[in-house]
Amino acid sequence: MSHICHDLLSKSANTLKISGGGLKSFIKTRWTSMYESTYSIVRMRRALEEVIFSIFIILLIFYGLYQNF
């Protein structure tokens, strides 16, 4: 499932013309990684919202609850 989410996020970021790469992970030993991780979430917010909404719709369709939501 994570590779599907990664693909959705990459496509959404490209569509929204968000540059700077994907989400950054936090590394305890690097003090700047906390900033980079937080900044990547803020920068990718719109793309993340689109992915979450897409997954929500997919789950509604899968469980048969989607009726022109």
C-alpha atoms as a PDB file:
ATOM      1  CA  MET A   1       0.000   0.000   0.000  1.00  0.00           C
ATOM      2  CA  SER A   2       2.859   2.403   0.725  1.00  0.00           C
ATOM      3  CA  HIS A   3       4.109   2.316  -2.883  1.00  0.00           C
ATOM      4  CA  ILE A   4       0.613   3.269  -4.080  1.00  0.00           C
ATOM      5  CA  CYS A   5       0.538   6.222  -1.677  1.00  0.00           C
ATOM      6  CA  HIS A   6       4.025   7.250  -2.783  1.00  0.00           C
ATOM      7  CA  ASP A   7       2.941   7.192  -6.442  1.00  0.00           C
ATOM      8  CA  LEU A   8      -0.210   9.188  -5.658  1.00  0.00           C
ATOM      9  CA  LEU A   9       1.822  11.742  -3.712  1.00  0.00           C
ATOM     10  CA  SER A  10       4.420  12.082  -6.484  1.00  0.00           C
ATOM     11  CA  LYS A  11       1.760  12.538  -9.165  1.00  0.00           C
ATOM     12  CA  SER A  12      -0.124  15.038  -7.029  1.00  0.00           C
ATOM     13  CA  ALA A  13       3.064  17.023  -6.339  1.00  0.00           C
ATOM     14  CA  ASN A  14       3.869  17.100 -10.060  1.00  0.00           C
ATOM     15  CA  THR A  15       0.333  18.210 -10.919  1.00  0.00           C
ATOM     16  CA  LEU A  16       0.477  20.986  -8.321  1.00  0.00           C
ATOM     17  CA  LYS A  17       4.003  21.903  -9.476  1.00  0.00           C
ATOM     18  CA  ILE A  18       5.489  21.415  -5.995  1.00  0.00           C
ATOM     19  CA  SER A  19       9.272  21.197  -6.180  1.00  0.00           C
ATOM     20  CA  GLY A  20      11.895  20.195  -3.671  1.00  0.00           C
ATOM     21  CA  GLY A  21      11.405  16.444  -3.592  1.00  0.00           C
ATOM     22  CA  GLY A  22       9.097  14.321  -1.515  1.00  0.00           C
ATOM     23  CA  LEU A  23       8.694  13.940   2.204  1.00  0.00           C
ATOM     24  CA  LYS A  24      11.885  13.925   4.239  1.00  0.00           C
ATOM     25  CA  SER A  25      12.362  11.613   7.192  1.00  0.00           C
ATOM     26  CA  PHE A  26      13.566  12.613  10.642  1.00  0.00           C
ATOM     27  CA  ILE A  27      17.022  11.468  11.772  1.00  0.00           C
ATOM     28  CA  LYS A  28      17.764  11.805  15.481  1.00  0.00           C
ATOM     29  CA  THR A  29      21.459  12.525  15.058  1.00  0.00           C
ATOM     30  CA  ARG A  30      21.009  15.443  12.649  1.00  0.00           C
ATOM     31  CA  TRP A  31      19.477  18.536  14.207  1.00  0.00           C
ATOM     32  CA  THR A  32      18.531  19.984  10.792  1.00  0.00           C
ATOM     33  CA  SER A  33      16.509  16.907   9.855  1.00  0.00           C
ATOM     34  CA  MET A  34      13.665  17.974  12.181  1.00  0.00           C
ATOM     35  CA  TYR A  35      13.380  21.226  10.228  1.00  0.00           C
ATOM     36  CA  GLU A  36      13.649  19.451   6.862  1.00  0.00           C
ATOM     37  CA  SER A  37      11.025  16.887   7.863  1.00  0.00           C
ATOM     38  CA  THR A  38       8.581  19.515   9.132  1.00  0.00           C
ATOM     39  CA  TYR A  39       9.173  21.793   6.160  1.00  0.00           C
ATOM     40  CA  SER A  40       8.565  18.954   3.703  1.00  0.00           C
ATOM     41  CA  ILE A  41       5.170  18.271   5.321  1.00  0.00           C
ATOM     42  CA  VAL A  42       4.217  21.953   5.145  1.00  0.00           C
ATOM     43  CA  ARG A  43       5.439  22.210   1.542  1.00  0.00           C
ATOM     44  CA  MET A  44       3.580  19.056   0.467  1.00  0.00           C
ATOM     45  CA  ARG A  45       0.376  19.845   2.384  1.00  0.00           C
ATOM     46  CA  ARG A  46      -1.879  20.281  -0.669  1.00  0.00           C
ATOM     47  CA  ALA A  47      -0.531  17.117  -2.266  1.00  0.00           C
ATOM     48  CA  LEU A  48      -1.000  15.185   0.995  1.00  0.00           C
ATOM     49  CA  GLU A  49      -4.596  16.419   1.251  1.00  0.00           C
ATOM     50  CA  GLU A  50      -5.281  15.220  -2.303  1.00  0.00           C
ATOM     51  CA  VAL A  51      -3.804  11.792  -1.563  1.00  0.00           C
ATOM     52  CA  ILE A  52      -5.822  11.440   1.636  1.00  0.00           C
ATOM     53  CA  PHE A  53      -9.016  12.413  -0.208  1.00  0.00           C
ATOM     54  CA  SER A  54      -8.217   9.972  -3.045  1.00  0.00           C
ATOM     55  CA  ILE A  55      -7.646   7.113  -0.607  1.00  0.00           C
ATOM     56  CA  PHE A  56     -10.876   8.018   1.198  1.00  0.00           C
ATOM     57  CA  ILE A  57     -12.825   7.811  -2.088  1.00  0.00           C
ATOM     58  CA  ILE A  58     -11.113   4.513  -3.010  1.00  0.00           C
ATOM     59  CA  LEU A  59     -12.122   3.027   0.350  1.00  0.00           C
ATOM     60  CA  LEU A  60     -15.693   4.261  -0.037  1.00  0.00           C
ATOM     61  CA  ILE A  61     -15.878   2.656  -3.480  1.00  0.00           C
ATOM     62  CA  PHE A  62     -14.299  -0.554  -2.189  1.00  0.00           C
ATOM     63  CA  TYR A  63     -16.840  -0.875   0.600  1.00  0.00           C
ATOM     64  CA  GLY A  64     -19.733   0.138  -1.678  1.00  0.00           C
ATOM     65  CA  LEU A  65     -20.547   3.335   0.206  1.00  0.00           C
ATOM     66  CA  TYR A  66     -19.757   5.778  -2.593  1.00  0.00           C
ATOM     67  CA  GLN A  67     -22.852   7.361  -4.171  1.00  0.00           C
ATOM     68  CA  ASN A  68     -21.688  10.588  -5.864  1.00  0.00           C
ATOM     69  CA  PHE A  69     -20.018  11.734  -2.652  1.00  0.00           C
END
